[in-house]
Amino acid sequence: MNSSMTQARLWYWQRMSAMLLALCVAVHLVTLVYAVRGGLTAAEILARTQGNLPFAVFYLVFVAAVAVHAPIGLARIAEEWLGWRGSASMALAGTFAAILLALGLRAVWAVFAG
């Protein structure tokens, strides 16, 4: 991760994913507050989300944004705090991205498919 072009791309992707995450978190929280204030229970919310394609697509975008954003930050932390450079920090970031993506996709599928 030493080239300035790579650094610029990572900076760009982290900022773009941060903007998308801010929107996703806001929509998620507003929806959650609306549902709970409307008196819906967790079981009722789950019943409404099962088979709901727009819900699944929204949360797939949310998961993708997290899987892009968090590993880039983790790589920076590994570089600054642990002194890891190049392939070590990128391997950590890639592994973390794969784990986040797998767990997120599993959660979305579980809620969507029941």
C-alpha atoms as a PDB file:
ATOM      1  CA  MET A   1       0.000   0.000   0.000  1.00  0.00           C
ATOM      2  CA  ASN A   2       2.896   2.304  -0.541  1.00  0.00           C
ATOM      3  CA  SER A   3       2.020   3.766  -3.917  1.00  0.00           C
ATOM      4  CA  SER A   4       0.345   7.133  -3.815  1.00  0.00           C
ATOM      5  CA  MET A   5      -2.206   5.959  -6.390  1.00  0.00           C
ATOM      6  CA  THR A   6      -3.225   3.043  -4.162  1.00  0.00           C
ATOM      7  CA  GLN A   7      -3.449   5.357  -1.167  1.00  0.00           C
ATOM      8  CA  ALA A   8      -5.638   7.770  -3.129  1.00  0.00           C
ATOM      9  CA  ARG A   9      -7.964   4.956  -4.240  1.00  0.00           C
ATOM     10  CA  LEU A  10      -8.302   3.623  -0.710  1.00  0.00           C
ATOM     11  CA  TRP A  11      -8.977   7.131   0.590  1.00  0.00           C
ATOM     12  CA  TYR A  12     -11.647   7.597  -2.088  1.00  0.00           C
ATOM     13  CA  TRP A  13     -13.361   4.253  -1.376  1.00  0.00           C
ATOM     14  CA  GLN A  14     -13.365   4.824   2.348  1.00  0.00           C
ATOM     15  CA  ARG A  15     -14.946   8.261   1.939  1.00  0.00           C
ATOM     16  CA  MET A  16     -17.561   7.007  -0.538  1.00  0.00           C
ATOM     17  CA  SER A  17     -18.441   4.067   1.687  1.00  0.00           C
ATOM     18  CA  ALA A  18     -18.654   6.416   4.687  1.00  0.00           C
ATOM     19  CA  MET A  19     -21.227   8.553   2.899  1.00  0.00           C
ATOM     20  CA  LEU A  20     -23.248   5.493   1.959  1.00  0.00           C
ATOM     21  CA  LEU A  21     -22.978   4.151   5.513  1.00  0.00           C
ATOM     22  CA  ALA A  22     -24.224   7.431   6.952  1.00  0.00           C
ATOM     23  CA  LEU A  23     -27.308   7.210   4.760  1.00  0.00           C
ATOM     24  CA  CYS A  24     -27.866   3.517   5.556  1.00  0.00           C
ATOM     25  CA  VAL A  25     -27.514   4.051   9.306  1.00  0.00           C
ATOM     26  CA  ALA A  26     -29.939   6.986   9.210  1.00  0.00           C
ATOM     27  CA  VAL A  27     -32.544   5.006   7.230  1.00  0.00           C
ATOM     28  CA  HIS A  28     -32.067   1.979   9.488  1.00  0.00           C
ATOM     29  CA  LEU A  29     -32.508   3.998  12.697  1.00  0.00           C
ATOM     30  CA  VAL A  30     -35.515   5.954  11.427  1.00  0.00           C
ATOM     31  CA  THR A  31     -37.173   2.727  10.295  1.00  0.00           C
ATOM     32  CA  LEU A  32     -36.421   1.033  13.602  1.00  0.00           C
ATOM     33  CA  VAL A  33     -37.784   3.916  15.677  1.00  0.00           C
ATOM     34  CA  TYR A  34     -40.874   4.144  13.458  1.00  0.00           C
ATOM     35  CA  ALA A  35     -41.558   0.411  13.782  1.00  0.00           C
ATOM     36  CA  VAL A  36     -41.059   0.288  17.541  1.00  0.00           C
ATOM     37  CA  ARG A  37     -43.083   3.447  18.173  1.00  0.00           C
ATOM     38  CA  GLY A  38     -45.799   1.958  16.000  1.00  0.00           C
ATOM     39  CA  GLY A  39     -46.030  -0.878  18.480  1.00  0.00           C
ATOM     40  CA  LEU A  40     -44.510  -3.604  16.330  1.00  0.00           C
ATOM     41  CA  THR A  41     -42.818  -6.469  18.134  1.00  0.00           C
ATOM     42  CA  ALA A  42     -39.624  -8.112  16.939  1.00  0.00           C
ATOM     43  CA  ALA A  43     -41.644 -11.060  15.635  1.00  0.00           C
ATOM     44  CA  GLU A  44     -43.928  -8.726  13.665  1.00  0.00           C
ATOM     45  CA  ILE A  45     -40.963  -6.857  12.212  1.00  0.00           C
ATOM     46  CA  LEU A  46     -39.337 -10.140  11.198  1.00  0.00           C
ATOM     47  CA  ALA A  47     -42.573 -11.321   9.602  1.00  0.00           C
ATOM     48  CA  ARG A  48     -42.676  -8.141   7.502  1.00  0.00           C
ATOM     49  CA  THR A  49     -39.077  -8.440   6.356  1.00  0.00           C
ATOM     50  CA  GLN A  50     -39.210 -12.069   5.242  1.00  0.00           C
ATOM     51  CA  GLY A  51     -39.472 -12.221   1.471  1.00  0.00           C
ATOM     52  CA  ASN A  52     -39.278  -8.427   1.174  1.00  0.00           C
ATOM     53  CA  LEU A  53     -36.886  -7.823  -1.739  1.00  0.00           C
ATOM     54  CA  PRO A  54     -36.447  -4.036  -1.250  1.00  0.00           C
ATOM     55  CA  PHE A  55     -35.518  -4.716   2.382  1.00  0.00           C
ATOM     56  CA  ALA A  56     -32.965  -7.321   1.309  1.00  0.00           C
ATOM     57  CA  VAL A  57     -31.452  -5.048  -1.342  1.00  0.00           C
ATOM     58  CA  PHE A  58     -31.142  -2.175   1.131  1.00  0.00           C
ATOM     59  CA  TYR A  59     -29.335  -4.347   3.654  1.00  0.00           C
ATOM     60  CA  LEU A  60     -27.131  -5.911   0.966  1.00  0.00           C
ATOM     61  CA  VAL A  61     -25.962  -2.384   0.097  1.00  0.00           C
ATOM     62  CA  PHE A  62     -25.439  -1.718   3.811  1.00  0.00           C
ATOM     63  CA  VAL A  63     -23.344  -4.895   4.173  1.00  0.00           C
ATOM     64  CA  ALA A  64     -21.282  -4.061   1.083  1.00  0.00           C
ATOM     65  CA  ALA A  65     -20.540  -0.566   2.394  1.00  0.00           C
ATOM     66  CA  VAL A  66     -19.403  -1.983   5.738  1.00  0.00           C
ATOM     67  CA  ALA A  67     -17.243  -4.599   3.990  1.00  0.00           C
ATOM     68  CA  VAL A  68     -15.491  -1.821   2.047  1.00  0.00           C
ATOM     69  CA  HIS A  69     -15.220   0.794   4.786  1.00  0.00           C
ATOM     70  CA  ALA A  70     -14.126  -1.067   7.920  1.00  0.00           C
ATOM     71  CA  PRO A  71     -11.233  -3.099   6.451  1.00  0.00           C
ATOM     72  CA  ILE A  72      -9.601   0.004   4.988  1.00  0.00           C
ATOM     73  CA  GLY A  73      -9.663   1.608   8.424  1.00  0.00           C
ATOM     74  CA  LEU A  74      -8.358  -1.574  10.018  1.00  0.00           C
ATOM     75  CA  ALA A  75      -5.447  -1.652   7.552  1.00  0.00           C
ATOM     76  CA  ARG A  76      -4.570   1.943   8.505  1.00  0.00           C
ATOM     77  CA  ILE A  77      -4.669   1.003  12.204  1.00  0.00           C
ATOM     78  CA  ALA A  78      -2.420  -2.018  11.578  1.00  0.00           C
ATOM     79  CA  GLU A  79       0.028   0.218   9.731  1.00  0.00           C
ATOM     80  CA  GLU A  80       0.087   2.976  12.346  1.00  0.00           C
ATOM     81  CA  TRP A  81      -0.146   1.009  15.594  1.00  0.00           C
ATOM     82  CA  LEU A  82       1.490  -2.298  14.676  1.00  0.00           C
ATOM     83  CA  GLY A  83       3.930  -1.072  12.037  1.00  0.00           C
ATOM     84  CA  TRP A  84       2.585  -3.533   9.461  1.00  0.00           C
ATOM     85  CA  ARG A  85       3.233  -2.543   5.867  1.00  0.00           C
ATOM     86  CA  GLY A  86       2.132  -3.617   2.425  1.00  0.00           C
ATOM     87  CA  SER A  87       0.935  -7.174   2.102  1.00  0.00           C
ATOM     88  CA  ALA A  88       0.545  -7.760   5.862  1.00  0.00           C
ATOM     89  CA  SER A  89      -1.947  -4.959   6.390  1.00  0.00           C
ATOM     90  CA  MET A  90      -3.706  -5.758   3.113  1.00  0.00           C
ATOM     91  CA  ALA A  91      -4.005  -9.442   4.065  1.00  0.00           C
ATOM     92  CA  LEU A  92      -5.551  -8.439   7.377  1.00  0.00           C
ATOM     93  CA  ALA A  93      -7.939  -6.068   5.599  1.00  0.00           C
ATOM     94  CA  GLY A  94      -8.881  -8.652   2.982  1.00  0.00           C
ATOM     95  CA  THR A  95      -9.528 -11.329   5.579  1.00  0.00           C
ATOM     96  CA  PHE A  96     -11.601  -8.946   7.670  1.00  0.00           C
ATOM     97  CA  ALA A  97     -13.566  -7.836   4.586  1.00  0.00           C
ATOM     98  CA  ALA A  98     -14.322 -11.456   3.683  1.00  0.00           C
ATOM     99  CA  ILE A  99     -15.510 -12.203   7.223  1.00  0.00           C
ATOM    100  CA  LEU A 100     -17.722  -9.101   7.358  1.00  0.00           C
ATOM    101  CA  LEU A 101     -19.162  -9.852   3.939  1.00  0.00           C
ATOM    102  CA  ALA A 102     -19.859 -13.510   4.767  1.00  0.00           C
ATOM    103  CA  LEU A 103     -21.502 -12.724   8.106  1.00  0.00           C
ATOM    104  CA  GLY A 104     -23.495  -9.831   6.672  1.00  0.00           C
ATOM    105  CA  LEU A 105     -24.747 -11.835   3.696  1.00  0.00           C
ATOM    106  CA  ARG A 106     -25.684 -14.685   6.009  1.00  0.00           C
ATOM    107  CA  ALA A 107     -27.677 -12.317   8.235  1.00  0.00           C
ATOM    108  CA  VAL A 108     -29.504 -10.721   5.304  1.00  0.00           C
ATOM    109  CA  TRP A 109     -30.316 -14.145   3.866  1.00  0.00           C
ATOM    110  CA  ALA A 110     -31.532 -15.438   7.245  1.00  0.00           C
ATOM    111  CA  VAL A 111     -33.909 -12.515   7.678  1.00  0.00           C
ATOM    112  CA  PHE A 112     -35.036 -12.469   4.043  1.00  0.00           C
ATOM    113  CA  ALA A 113     -35.515 -16.221   3.583  1.00  0.00           C
ATOM    114  CA  GLY A 114     -36.544 -17.016   7.138  1.00  0.00           C
END
